[in-house]
């Protein structure tokens, strides 16, 4: 009797095991790859084409990026785990600061100004609820988008005029209209039609005890299909910049973009701060499932304020019969000397 075949038999048993281990390693690498690509595109600001819509959901991707980390660690793939951790940290670094209040919220001393923005969904949002928020939260300036004649009449019937008697209104059918209402006198009211076809109402608000503030109701075109992606980008980038040598500006409304979209970040870099981001409320969803659509919430409504204006607080509120939630921001405008 001989035993010369035993080593060969052992090798035959070990090969399938090694192949399974190698296959699992490859699968984990493949699991990491989409997160790595996402992180590279996000950090480089290179989102283009159909991925533009997907990038609104980057916070969810950043959370999911820890799944391959856990899998790699559980299976003791240390090199794979190290790469997965780096990818997850890169995505977290892009997203997590929005949930942490910033040390730089702007000036803390000055005249308080409360602003609110609300997309009325073809003018059909609950006007009484909007007016109630204006009253209860002592709103000084209200910006509305998708502002129709029916929406204007509903707000008037709900008593908005008694609270905010000054206005700059550009009501139009469907989603095209825009409006501004103010507690304080306004000058230079008007509206402009952006490249995507939406009106953007604006006015200079004369804040008592402070200098004038230019306010505009922003509504760039949504990136809803490939043919309009260029116009979406152009609309966001064409929003008025803050001018450090001019009148302080507040730009608020439905931007159809999140802070994971490079055009919005570029706009903000020109003299603005995002009020929700500054107060650690930047991950609260403002659009998505609020009218019944099964869409994870994303943050596409914003209050952008000139860096000379301080941010005290931000809150987000559901509005019945609208797919957007309203944003209220408590601001501090520099007092006149």
Protein backbone atom coordinates (compact mmCIF):
# COMPACT_ATOMS: atom_id res chain seq x y z
CA UNK A 1 0.00 0.00 0.00
CA UNK A 2 1.25 3.53 -0.88
CA UNK A 3 0.19 7.06 0.06
CA UNK A 4 1.78 8.97 -2.82
CA UNK A 5 -1.60 10.30 -4.04
CA UNK A 6 -2.56 12.02 -0.75
CA UNK A 7 -0.87 15.42 -1.41
CA UNK A 8 -2.50 15.60 -4.83
CA UNK A 9 -5.89 14.89 -3.28
CA UNK A 10 -5.34 17.65 -0.73
CA UNK A 11 -4.49 20.11 -3.45
CA UNK A 12 -7.64 19.17 -5.34
CA UNK A 13 -9.74 19.85 -2.22
CA UNK A 14 -8.03 23.21 -1.57
CA UNK A 15 -8.43 24.62 -5.08
CA UNK A 16 -12.23 25.10 -4.97
CA UNK A 17 -11.89 26.78 -1.58
CA UNK A 18 -9.27 29.20 -2.93
CA UNK A 19 -11.40 29.89 -5.97
CA UNK A 20 -14.39 30.69 -3.75
CA UNK A 21 -12.29 33.05 -1.63
CA UNK A 22 -10.93 34.76 -4.75
CA UNK A 23 -14.41 35.06 -6.20
CA UNK A 24 -15.71 36.63 -3.00
CA UNK A 25 -12.84 39.11 -3.00
CA UNK A 26 -13.62 40.08 -6.59
CA UNK A 27 -17.30 40.50 -5.73
CA UNK A 28 -16.49 42.82 -2.83
CA UNK A 29 -14.23 44.89 -5.09
CA UNK A 30 -17.07 45.13 -7.58
CA UNK A 31 -19.38 46.16 -4.71
CA UNK A 32 -17.02 49.02 -3.83
CA UNK A 33 -16.52 50.22 -7.40
CA UNK A 34 -19.82 52.17 -7.85
CA UNK A 35 -19.22 54.03 -4.56
CA UNK A 36 -15.68 54.85 -5.64
CA UNK A 37 -16.88 56.20 -8.99
CA UNK A 38 -19.62 58.20 -7.23
CA UNK A 39 -17.09 59.72 -4.81
CA UNK A 40 -14.71 60.71 -7.62
CA UNK A 41 -17.49 62.35 -9.65
CA UNK A 42 -18.93 64.13 -6.59
CA UNK A 43 -15.59 65.50 -5.39
CA UNK A 44 -14.62 66.57 -8.89
CA UNK A 45 -17.99 68.15 -9.65
CA UNK A 46 -18.13 66.13 -12.85
CA UNK A 47 -21.76 64.97 -12.81
CA UNK A 48 -23.12 65.06 -16.33
CA UNK A 49 -25.98 63.50 -18.26
CA UNK A 50 -28.51 61.22 -16.54
CA UNK A 51 -26.45 61.01 -13.34
CA UNK A 52 -27.38 64.62 -12.56
CA UNK A 53 -30.77 63.50 -11.26
CA UNK A 54 -29.20 60.63 -9.33
CA UNK A 55 -26.74 62.91 -7.57
CA UNK A 56 -29.60 64.48 -5.62
CA UNK A 57 -29.58 61.20 -3.67
CA UNK A 58 -25.89 61.37 -2.69
CA UNK A 59 -26.66 61.41 1.08
CA UNK A 60 -28.29 58.00 0.72
CA UNK A 61 -25.32 56.70 -1.26
CA UNK A 62 -22.96 58.04 1.42
CA UNK A 63 -24.84 56.05 4.05
CA UNK A 64 -24.89 52.89 1.91
CA UNK A 65 -21.14 53.19 1.27
CA UNK A 66 -20.47 51.69 4.71
CA UNK A 67 -22.03 48.36 3.65
CA UNK A 68 -18.94 47.18 1.70
CA UNK A 69 -16.78 48.30 4.62
CA UNK A 70 -18.70 46.01 6.95
CA UNK A 71 -18.63 43.15 4.44
CA UNK A 72 -14.88 43.47 3.84
CA UNK A 73 -14.12 43.58 7.55
CA UNK A 74 -16.41 40.65 8.30
CA UNK A 75 -14.62 38.52 5.68
CA UNK A 76 -11.15 39.79 6.69
CA UNK A 77 -10.30 41.34 3.36
CA UNK A 78 -8.07 43.96 4.95
CA UNK A 79 -6.83 45.67 1.78
CA UNK A 80 -10.33 45.81 0.35
CA UNK A 81 -11.63 47.10 3.70
CA UNK A 82 -9.03 49.89 3.73
CA UNK A 83 -10.10 51.09 0.29
CA UNK A 84 -13.77 50.84 1.23
CA UNK A 85 -13.18 52.93 4.36
CA UNK A 86 -11.46 55.64 2.33
CA UNK A 87 -14.35 55.75 -0.14
CA UNK A 88 -16.94 55.89 2.64
CA UNK A 89 -15.04 58.68 4.41
CA UNK A 90 -14.80 60.73 1.19
CA UNK A 91 -18.55 60.53 0.68
CA UNK A 92 -19.24 61.26 4.35
CA UNK A 93 -16.95 64.31 4.18
CA UNK A 94 -19.04 65.65 1.30
CA UNK A 95 -22.38 65.12 3.05
CA UNK A 96 -22.02 65.06 6.84
CA UNK A 97 -21.04 68.73 7.39
CA UNK A 98 -24.60 69.70 6.42
CA UNK A 99 -25.85 68.08 9.61
CA UNK A 100 -23.36 69.97 11.80
CA UNK A 101 -23.97 73.65 12.64
CA UNK A 102 -21.27 75.88 11.22
CA UNK A 103 -19.19 78.19 13.38
CA UNK A 104 -19.62 80.84 10.71
CA UNK A 105 -23.29 81.78 10.55
CA UNK A 106 -22.52 85.40 9.77
CA UNK A 107 -23.21 88.47 11.91
CA UNK A 108 -25.12 87.81 15.12
CA UNK A 109 -25.96 91.46 15.76
CA UNK A 110 -28.38 93.47 13.68
CA UNK A 111 -32.04 93.60 12.66
CA UNK A 112 -33.97 90.34 12.63
CA UNK A 113 -35.62 89.37 9.36
CA UNK A 114 -37.67 86.19 8.96
CA UNK A 115 -38.04 84.82 5.44
CA UNK A 116 -39.98 81.89 4.02
CA UNK A 117 -40.10 80.09 0.68
CA UNK A 118 -42.84 77.74 -0.52
CA UNK A 119 -43.45 75.99 -3.84
CA UNK A 120 -47.24 75.96 -4.35
CA UNK A 121 -47.38 73.05 -6.88
CA UNK A 122 -49.30 74.69 -9.75
CA UNK A 123 -50.89 77.09 -7.27
CA UNK A 124 -52.82 74.34 -5.50
CA UNK A 125 -51.01 74.28 -2.14
CA UNK A 126 -53.05 74.97 0.99
CA UNK A 127 -53.05 78.78 1.10
CA UNK A 128 -54.56 78.93 4.59
CA UNK A 129 -51.71 76.79 5.91
CA UNK A 130 -49.12 79.06 4.28
CA UNK A 131 -50.75 82.16 5.74
CA UNK A 132 -50.94 80.50 9.16
CA UNK A 133 -47.19 79.89 9.07
CA UNK A 134 -46.60 83.49 8.02
CA UNK A 135 -48.63 84.68 10.99
CA UNK A 136 -47.31 82.28 13.61
CA UNK A 137 -43.67 82.62 12.57
CA UNK A 138 -43.76 86.38 12.12
CA UNK A 139 -42.58 86.15 8.53
CA UNK A 140 -41.33 89.37 6.97
CA UNK A 141 -40.77 88.14 3.41
CA UNK A 142 -42.49 85.25 1.62
CA UNK A 143 -41.29 83.85 -1.71
CA UNK A 144 -43.55 81.52 -3.69
CA UNK A 145 -42.92 79.46 -6.81
CA UNK A 146 -45.34 77.68 -9.18
CA UNK A 147 -47.50 80.71 -8.40
CA UNK A 148 -50.73 80.88 -10.42
CA UNK A 149 -53.58 83.37 -10.47
CA UNK A 150 -55.64 80.83 -8.52
CA UNK A 151 -52.87 80.58 -5.94
CA UNK A 152 -52.69 84.37 -5.67
CA UNK A 153 -56.43 84.60 -5.11
CA UNK A 154 -56.34 81.82 -2.51
CA UNK A 155 -53.57 83.55 -0.55
CA UNK A 156 -55.52 86.82 -0.68
CA UNK A 157 -58.69 85.10 0.53
CA UNK A 158 -56.73 83.54 3.39
CA UNK A 159 -55.70 87.02 4.58
CA UNK A 160 -52.08 87.25 3.43
CA UNK A 161 -52.46 90.88 2.39
CA UNK A 162 -53.13 91.98 5.97
CA UNK A 163 -49.84 90.41 7.09
CA UNK A 164 -47.63 91.15 4.07
CA UNK A 165 -49.16 94.15 2.28
CA UNK A 166 -46.33 94.81 -0.18
CA UNK A 167 -45.69 92.51 -3.13
CA UNK A 168 -44.00 91.84 -6.44
CA UNK A 169 -46.10 89.28 -8.28
CA UNK A 170 -45.73 87.41 -11.56
CA UNK A 171 -48.51 84.83 -11.48
CA UNK A 172 -48.69 82.58 -14.53
CA UNK A 173 -50.30 79.24 -15.43
CA UNK A 174 -48.91 75.89 -14.29
CA UNK A 175 -45.37 76.06 -12.87
CA UNK A 176 -44.17 79.28 -14.49
CA UNK A 177 -45.24 81.93 -11.97
CA UNK A 178 -43.40 83.48 -9.03
CA UNK A 179 -44.15 85.94 -6.27
CA UNK A 180 -42.75 87.92 -3.36
CA UNK A 181 -44.72 89.32 -0.43
CA UNK A 182 -43.26 91.64 2.20
CA UNK A 183 -44.21 93.10 5.57
CA UNK A 184 -41.94 96.08 4.85
CA UNK A 185 -42.11 98.57 1.97
CA UNK A 186 -40.42 97.52 -1.27
CA UNK A 187 -38.86 99.37 -4.15
CA UNK A 188 -37.83 98.31 -7.65
CA UNK A 189 -40.31 95.41 -7.88
CA UNK A 190 -40.15 93.25 -10.97
CA UNK A 191 -39.79 89.78 -12.40
CA UNK A 192 -37.53 88.17 -14.96
CA UNK A 193 -38.04 85.04 -17.01
CA UNK A 194 -35.07 82.70 -16.75
CA UNK A 195 -33.79 80.60 -19.62
CA UNK A 196 -35.90 77.63 -18.57
CA UNK A 197 -39.10 79.68 -18.85
CA UNK A 198 -39.88 80.27 -15.16
CA UNK A 199 -40.54 83.73 -13.77
CA UNK A 200 -38.45 84.96 -10.83
CA UNK A 201 -40.05 87.82 -8.88
CA UNK A 202 -37.70 90.23 -7.12
CA UNK A 203 -37.78 93.45 -5.12
CA UNK A 204 -35.67 95.55 -2.81
CA UNK A 205 -37.04 95.31 0.72
CA UNK A 206 -36.60 98.36 2.93
CA UNK A 207 -35.95 96.77 6.32
CA UNK A 208 -36.58 99.24 9.17
CA UNK A 209 -33.40 99.92 11.11
CA UNK A 210 -31.28 98.28 8.43
CA UNK A 211 -30.26 99.04 4.90
CA UNK A 212 -32.13 97.74 1.85
CA UNK A 213 -31.99 94.04 0.93
CA UNK A 214 -32.58 92.63 -2.56
CA UNK A 215 -34.73 89.49 -2.44
CA UNK A 216 -35.47 87.18 -5.35
CA UNK A 217 -37.68 84.10 -5.66
CA UNK A 218 -35.47 81.57 -7.46
CA UNK A 219 -36.78 78.77 -9.67
CA UNK A 220 -34.30 77.25 -12.14
CA UNK A 221 -35.55 74.64 -14.57
CA UNK A 222 -35.65 71.07 -13.21
CA UNK A 223 -33.22 68.53 -14.76
CA UNK A 224 -36.12 66.26 -15.66
CA UNK A 225 -34.79 64.90 -18.97
CA UNK A 226 -31.60 64.77 -21.01
CA UNK A 227 -32.55 67.57 -23.47
CA UNK A 228 -32.94 70.16 -20.68
CA UNK A 229 -29.82 69.36 -18.65
CA UNK A 230 -27.81 72.14 -20.28
CA UNK A 231 -30.53 74.69 -19.59
CA UNK A 232 -30.82 73.48 -15.97
CA UNK A 233 -27.13 74.09 -15.47
CA UNK A 234 -27.33 77.47 -17.18
CA UNK A 235 -30.31 78.51 -15.05
CA UNK A 236 -28.53 77.70 -11.79
CA UNK A 237 -25.33 79.43 -12.84
CA UNK A 238 -27.27 82.47 -14.11
CA UNK A 239 -28.76 83.22 -10.70
CA UNK A 240 -27.57 86.64 -9.48
CA UNK A 241 -24.31 86.61 -7.55
CA UNK A 242 -23.90 88.36 -4.25
CA UNK A 243 -22.01 91.61 -4.68
CA UNK A 244 -19.83 92.51 -1.72
CA UNK A 245 -19.79 96.14 -2.87
CA UNK A 246 -23.51 96.36 -3.55
CA UNK A 247 -26.81 95.82 -1.77
CA UNK A 248 -26.98 92.61 0.33
CA UNK A 249 -28.98 89.90 -1.41
CA UNK A 250 -31.20 86.99 -0.41
CA UNK A 251 -31.93 84.33 -3.01
CA UNK A 252 -34.52 81.77 -1.93
CA UNK A 253 -36.80 79.27 -3.56
CA UNK A 254 -36.90 75.98 -5.44
CA UNK A 255 -33.44 75.62 -7.00
CA UNK A 256 -34.06 72.11 -8.38
CA UNK A 257 -30.53 71.29 -7.18
CA UNK A 258 -28.90 70.00 -4.03
CA UNK A 259 -25.54 70.80 -2.50
CA UNK A 260 -24.25 67.71 -4.28
CA UNK A 261 -24.66 69.48 -7.62
CA UNK A 262 -21.60 71.45 -8.70
CA UNK A 263 -23.50 74.40 -10.28
CA UNK A 264 -25.25 75.19 -6.99
CA UNK A 265 -22.00 74.96 -5.06
CA UNK A 266 -20.42 77.31 -7.58
CA UNK A 267 -23.28 79.79 -7.17
CA UNK A 268 -22.93 79.71 -3.38
CA UNK A 269 -19.18 80.31 -3.67
CA UNK A 270 -19.95 83.74 -5.12
CA UNK A 271 -20.68 85.45 -1.82
CA UNK A 272 -23.52 83.33 -0.36
CA UNK A 273 -24.07 80.88 2.47
CA UNK A 274 -26.80 78.25 2.53
CA UNK A 275 -28.92 78.93 5.62
CA UNK A 276 -29.85 75.29 6.26
CA UNK A 277 -26.27 74.13 5.79
CA UNK A 278 -25.01 76.80 8.20
CA UNK A 279 -27.42 75.70 10.93
CA UNK A 280 -26.94 71.94 10.58
CA UNK A 281 -30.32 71.46 8.86
CA UNK A 282 -28.92 70.84 5.40
CA UNK A 283 -29.96 67.19 5.17
CA UNK A 284 -33.66 67.77 5.85
CA UNK A 285 -35.62 66.85 2.74
CA UNK A 286 -37.72 69.53 1.06
CA UNK A 287 -39.07 67.67 -1.99
CA UNK A 288 -40.12 64.11 -2.72
CA UNK A 289 -42.90 62.05 -1.17
CA UNK A 290 -45.01 64.89 0.20
CA UNK A 291 -47.78 64.57 -2.38
CA UNK A 292 -47.76 60.77 -2.40
CA UNK A 293 -44.97 59.99 -4.87
CA UNK A 294 -42.64 57.18 -3.66
CA UNK A 295 -39.48 59.30 -3.90
CA UNK A 296 -36.90 59.52 -1.09
CA UNK A 297 -36.78 63.13 0.20
CA UNK A 298 -34.08 65.36 -1.21
CA UNK A 299 -33.09 68.95 -0.43
CA UNK A 300 -33.67 71.13 -3.49
CA UNK A 301 -35.23 74.20 -1.81
CA UNK A 302 -32.78 76.66 -0.30
CA UNK A 303 -32.37 80.03 1.35
CA UNK A 304 -29.09 81.57 0.17
CA UNK A 305 -28.01 84.69 2.01
CA UNK A 306 -25.31 87.24 1.35
CA UNK A 307 -22.31 86.58 3.61
CA UNK A 308 -22.98 89.97 5.25
CA UNK A 309 -26.30 88.58 6.55
CA UNK A 310 -26.34 86.28 9.58
CA UNK A 311 -28.37 83.10 10.00
CA UNK A 312 -30.01 82.41 13.36
CA UNK A 313 -32.19 79.40 12.70
CA UNK A 314 -33.89 77.34 9.99
CA UNK A 315 -37.00 75.15 10.08
CA UNK A 316 -38.80 73.06 7.46
CA UNK A 317 -42.59 72.66 7.35
CA UNK A 318 -44.98 70.42 5.39
CA UNK A 319 -47.54 72.15 3.19
CA UNK A 320 -50.70 70.25 2.29
CA UNK A 321 -51.27 69.71 -1.46
CA UNK A 322 -47.67 70.53 -2.34
CA UNK A 323 -44.79 68.21 -3.17
CA UNK A 324 -42.41 70.67 -1.49
CA UNK A 325 -41.96 71.61 2.14
CA UNK A 326 -41.62 75.26 3.11
CA UNK A 327 -38.37 76.63 4.53
CA UNK A 328 -38.32 79.37 7.15
CA UNK A 329 -35.06 81.10 7.99
CA UNK A 330 -34.43 83.55 10.79
CA UNK A 331 -31.82 86.03 9.54
CA UNK A 332 -29.91 88.99 10.93
CA UNK A 333 -29.46 91.99 8.64
CA UNK A 334 -26.72 94.52 9.53
CA UNK A 335 -28.23 97.55 11.22
CA UNK A 336 -27.68 101.02 9.85
CA UNK A 337 -25.26 103.09 11.87
